[in-house]
Amino acid sequence: RRGGLEVQSKAGGSPVTDGDLAVNAFLTERLRKARPDYGWLS
């Protein structure tokens, strides 16, 4: 956010930013690597 967000609209009109996507990518890597047998919903 400090660097300036890129904002897009998802289907249905709700906003999503490159910050949302960067956090999702980080959490996917961190959590799924630690618990590969767990399912995932994000």
PDB file of all heavy atoms in Angstrom:
ATOM      1  N   ARG A   1       0.826  -1.212   0.000  1.00  0.00           N
ATOM      2  CA  ARG A   1       0.000   0.000   0.000  1.00  0.00           C
ATOM      3  C   ARG A   1       0.855   1.255   0.000  1.00  0.00           C
ATOM      4  O   ARG A   1       0.527   2.245  -0.677  1.00  0.00           O
ATOM      5  CB  ARG A   1      -0.940  -0.018   1.210  1.00  0.00           C
ATOM      6  CG  ARG A   1      -1.975   1.102   1.208  1.00  0.00           C
ATOM      7  CD  ARG A   1      -2.932   0.977   2.384  1.00  0.00           C
ATOM      8  NE  ARG A   1      -2.221   0.956   3.653  1.00  0.00           N
ATOM      9  CZ  ARG A   1      -2.816   0.697   4.819  1.00  0.00           C
ATOM     10  NH1 ARG A   1      -4.107   0.402   4.875  1.00  0.00           N
ATOM     11  NH2 ARG A   1      -2.110   0.710   5.939  1.00  0.00           N
ATOM     12  N   ARG A   2       1.953   1.226   0.750  1.00  0.00           N
ATOM     13  CA  ARG A   2       2.850   2.395   0.751  1.00  0.00           C
ATOM     14  C   ARG A   2       3.408   2.666  -0.634  1.00  0.00           C
ATOM     15  O   ARG A   2       3.652   3.821  -1.003  1.00  0.00           O
ATOM     16  CB  ARG A   2       3.995   2.170   1.741  1.00  0.00           C
ATOM     17  CG  ARG A   2       3.596   2.283   3.210  1.00  0.00           C
ATOM     18  CD  ARG A   2       4.801   2.387   4.110  1.00  0.00           C
ATOM     19  NE  ARG A   2       5.652   1.203   4.042  1.00  0.00           N
ATOM     20  CZ  ARG A   2       5.514   0.136   4.814  1.00  0.00           C
ATOM     21  NH1 ARG A   2       4.552   0.092   5.728  1.00  0.00           N
ATOM     22  NH2 ARG A   2       6.331  -0.886   4.700  1.00  0.00           N
ATOM     23  N   GLY A   3       3.598   1.612  -1.398  1.00  0.00           N
ATOM     24  CA  GLY A   3       4.145   1.775  -2.751  1.00  0.00           C
ATOM     25  C   GLY A   3       3.112   2.153  -3.796  1.00  0.00           C
ATOM     26  O   GLY A   3       3.460   2.416  -4.942  1.00  0.00           O
ATOM     27  N   GLY A   4       1.831   2.194  -3.397  1.00  0.00           N
ATOM     28  CA  GLY A   4       0.759   2.516  -4.338  1.00  0.00           C
ATOM     29  C   GLY A   4       0.118   1.255  -4.868  1.00  0.00           C
ATOM     30  O   GLY A   4       0.789   0.437  -5.524  1.00  0.00           O
ATOM     31  N   LEU A   5      -1.163   1.098  -4.616  1.00  0.00           N
ATOM     32  CA  LEU A   5      -1.866  -0.129  -4.987  1.00  0.00           C
ATOM     33  C   LEU A   5      -2.419  -0.072  -6.400  1.00  0.00           C
ATOM     34  O   LEU A   5      -2.867   0.978  -6.864  1.00  0.00           O
ATOM     35  CB  LEU A   5      -3.024  -0.383  -4.020  1.00  0.00           C
ATOM     36  CG  LEU A   5      -2.657  -0.685  -2.569  1.00  0.00           C
ATOM     37  CD1 LEU A   5      -3.910  -0.672  -1.702  1.00  0.00           C
ATOM     38  CD2 LEU A   5      -1.951  -2.029  -2.469  1.00  0.00           C
ATOM     39  N   GLU A   6      -2.391  -1.213  -7.058  1.00  0.00           N
ATOM     40  CA  GLU A   6      -3.107  -1.397  -8.319  1.00  0.00           C
ATOM     41  C   GLU A   6      -4.432  -2.065  -7.998  1.00  0.00           C
ATOM     42  O   GLU A   6      -4.463  -3.140  -7.414  1.00  0.00           O
ATOM     43  CB  GLU A   6      -2.293  -2.260  -9.283  1.00  0.00           C
ATOM     44  CG  GLU A   6      -0.960  -1.654  -9.692  1.00  0.00           C
ATOM     45  CD  GLU A   6      -0.162  -2.570 -10.609  1.00  0.00           C
ATOM     46  OE1 GLU A   6      -0.738  -3.602 -11.053  1.00  0.00           O
ATOM     47  OE2 GLU A   6       1.007  -2.268 -10.864  1.00  0.00           O
ATOM     48  N   VAL A   7      -5.532  -1.418  -8.381  1.00  0.00           N
ATOM     49  CA  VAL A   7      -6.864  -1.892  -8.025  1.00  0.00           C
ATOM     50  C   VAL A   7      -7.610  -2.326  -9.275  1.00  0.00           C
ATOM     51  O   VAL A   7      -7.640  -1.609 -10.275  1.00  0.00           O
ATOM     52  CB  VAL A   7      -7.658  -0.792  -7.299  1.00  0.00           C
ATOM     53  CG1 VAL A   7      -9.022  -1.328  -6.860  1.00  0.00           C
ATOM     54  CG2 VAL A   7      -6.879  -0.260  -6.095  1.00  0.00           C
ATOM     55  N   GLN A   8      -8.205  -3.526  -9.186  1.00  0.00           N
ATOM     56  CA  GLN A   8      -9.048  -4.046 -10.255  1.00  0.00           C
ATOM     57  C   GLN A   8     -10.387  -4.460  -9.669  1.00  0.00           C
ATOM     58  O   GLN A   8     -10.545  -4.553  -8.451  1.00  0.00           O
ATOM     59  CB  GLN A   8      -8.375  -5.234 -10.948  1.00  0.00           C
ATOM     60  CG  GLN A   8      -7.036  -4.911 -11.575  1.00  0.00           C
ATOM     61  CD  GLN A   8      -6.392  -6.135 -12.191  1.00  0.00           C
ATOM     62  OE1 GLN A   8      -6.809  -7.265 -11.948  1.00  0.00           O
ATOM     63  NE2 GLN A   8      -5.368  -5.908 -12.996  1.00  0.00           N
ATOM     64  N   SER A   9     -11.355  -4.731 -10.540  1.00  0.00           N
ATOM     65  CA  SER A   9     -12.667  -5.221 -10.108  1.00  0.00           C
ATOM     66  C   SER A   9     -12.810  -6.687 -10.482  1.00  0.00           C
ATOM     67  O   SER A   9     -12.522  -7.078 -11.617  1.00  0.00           O
ATOM     68  CB  SER A   9     -13.795  -4.418 -10.755  1.00  0.00           C
ATOM     69  OG  SER A   9     -13.812  -3.094 -10.266  1.00  0.00           O
ATOM     70  N   LYS A  10     -13.248  -7.483  -9.513  1.00  0.00           N
ATOM     71  CA  LYS A  10     -13.522  -8.886  -9.783  1.00  0.00           C
ATOM     72  C   LYS A  10     -14.925  -9.023 -10.354  1.00  0.00           C
ATOM     73  O   LYS A  10     -15.716  -8.082 -10.363  1.00  0.00           O
ATOM     74  CB  LYS A  10     -13.394  -9.695  -8.489  1.00  0.00           C
ATOM     75  CG  LYS A  10     -12.002  -9.688  -7.897  1.00  0.00           C
ATOM     76  CD  LYS A  10     -11.847 -10.700  -6.770  1.00  0.00           C
ATOM     77  CE  LYS A  10     -12.520 -10.251  -5.512  1.00  0.00           C
ATOM     78  NZ  LYS A  10     -12.194 -11.141  -4.361  1.00  0.00           N
ATOM     79  N   ALA A  11     -15.239 -10.224 -10.832  1.00  0.00           N
ATOM     80  CA  ALA A  11     -16.604 -10.509 -11.264  1.00  0.00           C
ATOM     81  C   ALA A  11     -17.537 -10.248 -10.097  1.00  0.00           C
ATOM     82  O   ALA A  11     -17.313 -10.717  -8.987  1.00  0.00           O
ATOM     83  CB  ALA A  11     -16.717 -11.960 -11.721  1.00  0.00           C
ATOM     84  N   GLY A  12     -18.575  -9.470 -10.338  1.00  0.00           N
ATOM     85  CA  GLY A  12     -19.475  -9.076  -9.259  1.00  0.00           C
ATOM     86  C   GLY A  12     -19.201  -7.677  -8.763  1.00  0.00           C
ATOM     87  O   GLY A  12     -20.012  -7.107  -8.039  1.00  0.00           O
ATOM     88  N   GLY A  13     -18.028  -7.123  -9.115  1.00  0.00           N
ATOM     89  CA  GLY A  13     -17.749  -5.723  -8.826  1.00  0.00           C
ATOM     90  C   GLY A  13     -16.917  -5.435  -7.610  1.00  0.00           C
ATOM     91  O   GLY A  13     -16.529  -4.281  -7.394  1.00  0.00           O
ATOM     92  N   SER A  14     -16.605  -6.437  -6.778  1.00  0.00           N
ATOM     93  CA  SER A  14     -15.795  -6.155  -5.596  1.00  0.00           C
ATOM     94  C   SER A  14     -14.346  -5.912  -5.996  1.00  0.00           C
ATOM     95  O   SER A  14     -13.845  -6.496  -6.963  1.00  0.00           O
ATOM     96  CB  SER A  14     -15.877  -7.315  -4.598  1.00  0.00           C
ATOM     97  OG  SER A  14     -15.370  -8.499  -5.169  1.00  0.00           O
ATOM     98  N   PRO A  15     -13.628  -5.049  -5.262  1.00  0.00           N
ATOM     99  CA  PRO A  15     -12.261  -4.708  -5.650  1.00  0.00           C
ATOM    100  C   PRO A  15     -11.256  -5.758  -5.186  1.00  0.00           C
ATOM    101  O   PRO A  15     -11.460  -6.448  -4.182  1.00  0.00           O
ATOM    102  CB  PRO A  15     -12.018  -3.375  -4.939  1.00  0.00           C
ATOM    103  CG  PRO A  15     -12.864  -3.477  -3.703  1.00  0.00           C
ATOM    104  CD  PRO A  15     -14.090  -4.247  -4.116  1.00  0.00           C
ATOM    105  N   VAL A  16     -10.161  -5.858  -5.931  1.00  0.00           N
ATOM    106  CA  VAL A  16      -9.011  -6.658  -5.528  1.00  0.00           C
ATOM    107  C   VAL A  16      -7.769  -5.879  -5.908  1.00  0.00           C
ATOM    108  O   VAL A  16      -7.735  -5.211  -6.943  1.00  0.00           O
ATOM    109  CB  VAL A  16      -9.026  -8.060  -6.191  1.00  0.00           C
ATOM    110  CG1 VAL A  16      -8.937  -7.965  -7.704  1.00  0.00           C
ATOM    111  CG2 VAL A  16      -7.914  -8.929  -5.623  1.00  0.00           C
ATOM    112  N   THR A  17      -6.763  -5.922  -5.072  1.00  0.00           N
ATOM    113  CA  THR A  17      -5.542  -5.165  -5.320  1.00  0.00           C
ATOM    114  C   THR A  17      -4.366  -6.110  -5.492  1.00  0.00           C
ATOM    115  O   THR A  17      -4.436  -7.299  -5.161  1.00  0.00           O
ATOM    116  CB  THR A  17      -5.233  -4.212  -4.153  1.00  0.00           C
ATOM    117  OG1 THR A  17      -4.746  -4.980  -3.044  1.00  0.00           O
ATOM    118  CG2 THR A  17      -6.470  -3.424  -3.730  1.00  0.00           C
ATOM    119  N   ASP A  18      -3.263  -5.534  -6.000  1.00  0.00           N
ATOM    120  CA  ASP A  18      -2.049  -6.344  -6.075  1.00  0.00           C
ATOM    121  C   ASP A  18      -1.560  -6.705  -4.671  1.00  0.00           C
ATOM    122  O   ASP A  18      -0.853  -7.703  -4.492  1.00  0.00           O
ATOM    123  CB  ASP A  18      -0.961  -5.633  -6.868  1.00  0.00           C
ATOM    124  CG  ASP A  18      -0.594  -4.264  -6.313  1.00  0.00           C
ATOM    125  OD1 ASP A  18      -1.450  -3.613  -5.676  1.00  0.00           O
ATOM    126  OD2 ASP A  18       0.559  -3.835  -6.511  1.00  0.00           O
ATOM    127  N   GLY A  19      -1.974  -5.934  -3.660  1.00  0.00           N
ATOM    128  CA  GLY A  19      -1.640  -6.289  -2.283  1.00  0.00           C
ATOM    129  C   GLY A  19      -2.354  -7.559  -1.848  1.00  0.00           C
ATOM    130  O   GLY A  19      -1.745  -8.444  -1.231  1.00  0.00           O
ATOM    131  N   ASP A  20      -3.663  -7.668  -2.152  1.00  0.00           N
ATOM    132  CA  ASP A  20      -4.406  -8.902  -1.862  1.00  0.00           C
ATOM    133  C   ASP A  20      -3.700 -10.104  -2.486  1.00  0.00           C
ATOM    134  O   ASP A  20      -3.532 -11.152  -1.841  1.00  0.00           O
ATOM    135  CB  ASP A  20      -5.818  -8.836  -2.445  1.00  0.00           C
ATOM    136  CG  ASP A  20      -6.694  -7.761  -1.849  1.00  0.00           C
ATOM    137  OD1 ASP A  20      -6.442  -6.566  -2.108  1.00  0.00           O
ATOM    138  OD2 ASP A  20      -7.653  -8.105  -1.145  1.00  0.00           O
ATOM    139  N   LEU A  21      -3.316  -9.961  -3.754  1.00  0.00           N
ATOM    140  CA  LEU A  21      -2.736 -11.084  -4.491  1.00  0.00           C
ATOM    141  C   LEU A  21      -1.346 -11.431  -3.980  1.00  0.00           C
ATOM    142  O   LEU A  21      -0.978 -12.611  -3.913  1.00  0.00           O
ATOM    143  CB  LEU A  21      -2.703 -10.754  -5.984  1.00  0.00           C
ATOM    144  CG  LEU A  21      -4.074 -10.461  -6.619  1.00  0.00           C
ATOM    145  CD1 LEU A  21      -3.921 -10.128  -8.078  1.00  0.00           C
ATOM    146  CD2 LEU A  21      -5.029 -11.647  -6.432  1.00  0.00           C
ATOM    147  N   ALA A  22      -0.568 -10.412  -3.588  1.00  0.00           N
ATOM    148  CA  ALA A  22       0.762 -10.680  -3.043  1.00  0.00           C
ATOM    149  C   ALA A  22       0.657 -11.417  -1.707  1.00  0.00           C
ATOM    150  O   ALA A  22       1.421 -12.353  -1.437  1.00  0.00           O
ATOM    151  CB  ALA A  22       1.532  -9.371  -2.867  1.00  0.00           C
ATOM    152  N   VAL A  23      -0.286 -11.012  -0.875  1.00  0.00           N
ATOM    153  CA  VAL A  23      -0.484 -11.695   0.405  1.00  0.00           C
ATOM    154  C   VAL A  23      -0.951 -13.128   0.177  1.00  0.00           C
ATOM    155  O   VAL A  23      -0.492 -14.064   0.841  1.00  0.00           O
ATOM    156  CB  VAL A  23      -1.490 -10.917   1.278  1.00  0.00           C
ATOM    157  CG1 VAL A  23      -1.893 -11.742   2.494  1.00  0.00           C
ATOM    158  CG2 VAL A  23      -0.896  -9.590   1.711  1.00  0.00           C
ATOM    159  N   ASN A  24      -1.855 -13.309  -0.780  1.00  0.00           N
ATOM    160  CA  ASN A  24      -2.335 -14.659  -1.065  1.00  0.00           C
ATOM    161  C   ASN A  24      -1.194 -15.563  -1.532  1.00  0.00           C
ATOM    162  O   ASN A  24      -1.087 -16.722  -1.108  1.00  0.00           O
ATOM    163  CB  ASN A  24      -3.428 -14.619  -2.130  1.00  0.00           C
ATOM    164  CG  ASN A  24      -4.102 -15.959  -2.315  1.00  0.00           C
ATOM    165  OD1 ASN A  24      -4.766 -16.467  -1.414  1.00  0.00           O
ATOM    166  ND2 ASN A  24      -3.921 -16.557  -3.481  1.00  0.00           N
ATOM    167  N   ALA A  25      -0.334 -15.031  -2.391  1.00  0.00           N
ATOM    168  CA  ALA A  25       0.796 -15.828  -2.880  1.00  0.00           C
ATOM    169  C   ALA A  25       1.729 -16.199  -1.731  1.00  0.00           C
ATOM    170  O   ALA A  25       2.213 -17.341  -1.638  1.00  0.00           O
ATOM    171  CB  ALA A  25       1.546 -15.052  -3.949  1.00  0.00           C
ATOM    172  N   PHE A  26       1.987 -15.246  -0.836  1.00  0.00           N
ATOM    173  CA  PHE A  26       2.846 -15.522   0.314  1.00  0.00           C
ATOM    174  C   PHE A  26       2.241 -16.585   1.217  1.00  0.00           C
ATOM    175  O   PHE A  26       2.914 -17.535   1.634  1.00  0.00           O
ATOM    176  CB  PHE A  26       3.083 -14.243   1.108  1.00  0.00           C
ATOM    177  CG  PHE A  26       3.605 -14.482   2.496  1.00  0.00           C
ATOM    178  CD1 PHE A  26       4.915 -14.877   2.709  1.00  0.00           C
ATOM    179  CD2 PHE A  26       2.760 -14.364   3.594  1.00  0.00           C
ATOM    180  CE1 PHE A  26       5.386 -15.138   3.994  1.00  0.00           C
ATOM    181  CE2 PHE A  26       3.221 -14.611   4.875  1.00  0.00           C
ATOM    182  CZ  PHE A  26       4.537 -15.006   5.069  1.00  0.00           C
ATOM    183  N   LEU A  27       0.952 -16.441   1.537  1.00  0.00           N
ATOM    184  CA  LEU A  27       0.307 -17.393   2.439  1.00  0.00           C
ATOM    185  C   LEU A  27       0.217 -18.784   1.816  1.00  0.00           C
ATOM    186  O   LEU A  27       0.376 -19.792   2.517  1.00  0.00           O
ATOM    187  CB  LEU A  27      -1.085 -16.892   2.815  1.00  0.00           C
ATOM    188  CG  LEU A  27      -1.124 -15.640   3.697  1.00  0.00           C
ATOM    189  CD1 LEU A  27      -2.552 -15.122   3.828  1.00  0.00           C
ATOM    190  CD2 LEU A  27      -0.540 -15.924   5.080  1.00  0.00           C
ATOM    191  N   THR A  28      -0.032 -18.826   0.518  1.00  0.00           N
ATOM    192  CA  THR A  28      -0.071 -20.126  -0.164  1.00  0.00           C
ATOM    193  C   THR A  28       1.254 -20.846  -0.018  1.00  0.00           C
ATOM    194  O   THR A  28       1.307 -22.039   0.312  1.00  0.00           O
ATOM    195  CB  THR A  28      -0.418 -19.934  -1.647  1.00  0.00           C
ATOM    196  OG1 THR A  28      -1.673 -19.266  -1.780  1.00  0.00           O
ATOM    197  CG2 THR A  28      -0.494 -21.272  -2.373  1.00  0.00           C
ATOM    198  N   GLU A  29       2.334 -20.127  -0.251  1.00  0.00           N
ATOM    199  CA  GLU A  29       3.667 -20.716  -0.152  1.00  0.00           C
ATOM    200  C   GLU A  29       3.975 -21.118   1.287  1.00  0.00           C
ATOM    201  O   GLU A  29       4.411 -22.247   1.556  1.00  0.00           O
ATOM    202  CB  GLU A  29       4.700 -19.709  -0.649  1.00  0.00           C
ATOM    203  CG  GLU A  29       6.156 -20.096  -0.385  1.00  0.00           C
ATOM    204  CD  GLU A  29       6.627 -21.301  -1.175  1.00  0.00           C
ATOM    205  OE1 GLU A  29       5.961 -21.666  -2.174  1.00  0.00           O
ATOM    206  OE2 GLU A  29       7.663 -21.890  -0.803  1.00  0.00           O
ATOM    207  N   ARG A  30       3.738 -20.223   2.235  1.00  0.00           N
ATOM    208  CA  ARG A  30       4.107 -20.479   3.622  1.00  0.00           C
ATOM    209  C   ARG A  30       3.274 -21.621   4.234  1.00  0.00           C
ATOM    210  O   ARG A  30       3.821 -22.540   4.846  1.00  0.00           O
ATOM    211  CB  ARG A  30       3.934 -19.209   4.443  1.00  0.00           C
ATOM    212  CG  ARG A  30       4.107 -19.385   5.950  1.00  0.00           C
ATOM    213  CD  ARG A  30       5.528 -19.751   6.366  1.00  0.00           C
ATOM    214  NE  ARG A  30       6.450 -18.693   6.075  1.00  0.00           N
ATOM    215  CZ  ARG A  30       6.693 -17.654   6.885  1.00  0.00           C
ATOM    216  NH1 ARG A  30       6.061 -17.558   8.045  1.00  0.00           N
ATOM    217  NH2 ARG A  30       7.567 -16.728   6.540  1.00  0.00           N
ATOM    218  N   LEU A  31       1.973 -21.543   4.100  1.00  0.00           N
ATOM    219  CA  LEU A  31       1.110 -22.495   4.792  1.00  0.00           C
ATOM    220  C   LEU A  31       1.067 -23.855   4.110  1.00  0.00           C
ATOM    221  O   LEU A  31       1.128 -24.901   4.771  1.00  0.00           O
ATOM    222  CB  LEU A  31      -0.300 -21.927   4.930  1.00  0.00           C
ATOM    223  CG  LEU A  31      -0.421 -20.627   5.735  1.00  0.00           C
ATOM    224  CD1 LEU A  31      -1.877 -20.169   5.784  1.00  0.00           C
ATOM    225  CD2 LEU A  31       0.125 -20.795   7.147  1.00  0.00           C
ATOM    226  N   ARG A  32       0.969 -23.860   2.794  1.00  0.00           N
ATOM    227  CA  ARG A  32       0.850 -25.147   2.098  1.00  0.00           C
ATOM    228  C   ARG A  32       2.170 -25.914   2.126  1.00  0.00           C
ATOM    229  O   ARG A  32       2.167 -27.153   2.148  1.00  0.00           O
ATOM    230  CB  ARG A  32       0.366 -24.938   0.673  1.00  0.00           C
ATOM    231  CG  ARG A  32      -0.975 -24.231   0.601  1.00  0.00           C
ATOM    232  CD  ARG A  32      -1.636 -24.340  -0.750  1.00  0.00           C
ATOM    233  NE  ARG A  32      -2.273 -25.648  -0.913  1.00  0.00           N
ATOM    234  CZ  ARG A  32      -2.996 -25.982  -1.968  1.00  0.00           C
ATOM    235  NH1 ARG A  32      -3.151 -25.113  -2.961  1.00  0.00           N
ATOM    236  NH2 ARG A  32      -3.550 -27.168  -2.054  1.00  0.00           N
ATOM    237  N   LYS A  33       3.275 -25.201   2.135  1.00  0.00           N
ATOM    238  CA  LYS A  33       4.568 -25.878   2.264  1.00  0.00           C
ATOM    239  C   LYS A  33       4.712 -26.515   3.639  1.00  0.00           C
ATOM    240  O   LYS A  33       5.256 -27.620   3.778  1.00  0.00           O
ATOM    241  CB  LYS A  33       5.703 -24.881   2.015  1.00  0.00           C
ATOM    242  CG  LYS A  33       7.095 -25.509   2.029  1.00  0.00           C
ATOM    243  CD  LYS A  33       8.161 -24.476   1.697  1.00  0.00           C
ATOM    244  CE  LYS A  33       9.548 -25.104   1.681  1.00  0.00           C
ATOM    245  NZ  LYS A  33      10.589 -24.084   1.334  1.00  0.00           N
ATOM    246  N   ALA A  34       4.203 -25.837   4.664  1.00  0.00           N
ATOM    247  CA  ALA A  34       4.305 -26.353   6.023  1.00  0.00           C
ATOM    248  C   ALA A  34       3.331 -27.500   6.286  1.00  0.00           C
ATOM    249  O   ALA A  34       3.609 -28.378   7.106  1.00  0.00           O
ATOM    250  CB  ALA A  34       4.053 -25.229   7.022  1.00  0.00           C
ATOM    251  N   ARG A  35       2.179 -27.494   5.612  1.00  0.00           N
ATOM    252  CA  ARG A  35       1.159 -28.522   5.827  1.00  0.00           C
ATOM    253  C   ARG A  35       0.672 -29.037   4.465  1.00  0.00           C
ATOM    254  O   ARG A  35      -0.463 -28.765   4.049  1.00  0.00           O
ATOM    255  CB  ARG A  35      -0.025 -27.959   6.616  1.00  0.00           C
ATOM    256  CG  ARG A  35       0.320 -27.377   7.971  1.00  0.00           C
ATOM    257  CD  ARG A  35       0.672 -28.447   8.994  1.00  0.00           C
ATOM    258  NE  ARG A  35       0.780 -27.869  10.328  1.00  0.00           N
ATOM    259  CZ  ARG A  35       1.904 -27.357  10.823  1.00  0.00           C
ATOM    260  NH1 ARG A  35       3.026 -27.341  10.091  1.00  0.00           N
ATOM    261  NH2 ARG A  35       1.927 -26.848  12.057  1.00  0.00           N
ATOM    262  N   PRO A  36       1.491 -29.795   3.739  1.00  0.00           N
ATOM    263  CA  PRO A  36       1.115 -30.222   2.386  1.00  0.00           C
ATOM    264  C   PRO A  36      -0.088 -31.149   2.338  1.00  0.00           C
ATOM    265  O   PRO A  36      -0.712 -31.295   1.266  1.00  0.00           O
ATOM    266  CB  PRO A  36       2.380 -30.934   1.882  1.00  0.00           C
ATOM    267  CG  PRO A  36       3.129 -31.323   3.112  1.00  0.00           C
ATOM    268  CD  PRO A  36       2.842 -30.252   4.116  1.00  0.00           C
ATOM    269  N   ASP A  37      -0.457 -31.756   3.461  1.00  0.00           N
ATOM    270  CA  ASP A  37      -1.605 -32.656   3.478  1.00  0.00           C
ATOM    271  C   ASP A  37      -2.917 -31.930   3.765  1.00  0.00           C
ATOM    272  O   ASP A  37      -3.986 -32.545   3.700  1.00  0.00           O
ATOM    273  CB  ASP A  37      -1.392 -33.762   4.513  1.00  0.00           C
ATOM    274  CG  ASP A  37      -1.113 -33.221   5.905  1.00  0.00           C
ATOM    275  OD1 ASP A  37      -0.462 -32.165   6.005  1.00  0.00           O
ATOM    276  OD2 ASP A  37      -1.537 -33.857   6.891  1.00  0.00           O
ATOM    277  N   TYR A  38      -2.878 -30.640   4.049  1.00  0.00           N
ATOM    278  CA  TYR A  38      -4.093 -29.879   4.303  1.00  0.00           C
ATOM    279  C   TYR A  38      -4.692 -29.402   2.984  1.00  0.00           C
ATOM    280  O   TYR A  38      -3.971 -29.054   2.043  1.00  0.00           O
ATOM    281  CB  TYR A  38      -3.809 -28.653   5.177  1.00  0.00           C
ATOM    282  CG  TYR A  38      -3.556 -28.925   6.641  1.00  0.00           C
ATOM    283  CD1 TYR A  38      -3.131 -30.171   7.097  1.00  0.00           C
ATOM    284  CD2 TYR A  38      -3.735 -27.922   7.580  1.00  0.00           C
ATOM    285  CE1 TYR A  38      -2.889 -30.403   8.443  1.00  0.00           C
ATOM    286  CE2 TYR A  38      -3.500 -28.139   8.937  1.00  0.00           C
ATOM    287  CZ  TYR A  38      -3.067 -29.380   9.362  1.00  0.00           C
ATOM    288  OH  TYR A  38      -2.838 -29.610  10.687  1.00  0.00           O
ATOM    289  N   GLY A  39      -6.001 -29.339   2.926  1.00  0.00           N
ATOM    290  CA  GLY A  39      -6.666 -28.717   1.791  1.00  0.00           C
ATOM    291  C   GLY A  39      -6.553 -27.200   1.863  1.00  0.00           C
ATOM    292  O   GLY A  39      -6.023 -26.635   2.824  1.00  0.00           O
ATOM    293  N   TRP A  40      -7.104 -26.535   0.841  1.00  0.00           N
ATOM    294  CA  TRP A  40      -6.923 -25.088   0.718  1.00  0.00           C
ATOM    295  C   TRP A  40      -8.178 -24.431   0.170  1.00  0.00           C
ATOM    296  O   TRP A  40      -8.758 -24.883  -0.810  1.00  0.00           O
ATOM    297  CB  TRP A  40      -5.754 -24.806  -0.225  1.00  0.00           C
ATOM    298  CG  TRP A  40      -5.387 -23.353  -0.374  1.00  0.00           C
ATOM    299  CD1 TRP A  40      -5.741 -22.509  -1.395  1.00  0.00           C
ATOM    300  CD2 TRP A  40      -4.579 -22.579   0.514  1.00  0.00           C
ATOM    301  NE1 TRP A  40      -5.205 -21.260  -1.197  1.00  0.00           N
ATOM    302  CE2 TRP A  40      -4.482 -21.274  -0.025  1.00  0.00           C
ATOM    303  CE3 TRP A  40      -3.924 -22.868   1.712  1.00  0.00           C
ATOM    304  CZ2 TRP A  40      -3.765 -20.267   0.584  1.00  0.00           C
ATOM    305  CZ3 TRP A  40      -3.209 -21.857   2.329  1.00  0.00           C
ATOM    306  CH2 TRP A  40      -3.131 -20.576   1.770  1.00  0.00           C
ATOM    307  N   LEU A  41      -8.598 -23.362   0.823  1.00  0.00           N
ATOM    308  CA  LEU A  41      -9.698 -22.528   0.348  1.00  0.00           C
ATOM    309  C   LEU A  41      -9.342 -21.088   0.641  1.00  0.00           C
ATOM    310  O   LEU A  41      -9.158 -20.710   1.802  1.00  0.00           O
ATOM    311  CB  LEU A  41     -11.004 -22.900   1.048  1.00  0.00           C
ATOM    312  CG  LEU A  41     -12.233 -22.044   0.684  1.00  0.00           C
ATOM    313  CD1 LEU A  41     -12.613 -22.233  -0.780  1.00  0.00           C
ATOM    314  CD2 LEU A  41     -13.419 -22.385   1.597  1.00  0.00           C
ATOM    315  N   SER A  42      -9.231 -20.282  -0.403  1.00  0.00           N
ATOM    316  CA  SER A  42      -8.870 -18.868  -0.256  1.00  0.00           C
ATOM    317  C   SER A  42      -9.710 -18.025  -1.198  1.00  0.00           C
ATOM    318  O   SER A  42     -10.035 -18.455  -2.310  1.00  0.00           O
ATOM    319  CB  SER A  42      -7.390 -18.657  -0.560  1.00  0.00           C
ATOM    320  OG  SER A  42      -7.097 -17.267  -0.670  1.00  0.00           O
TER     321      SER A  42
END
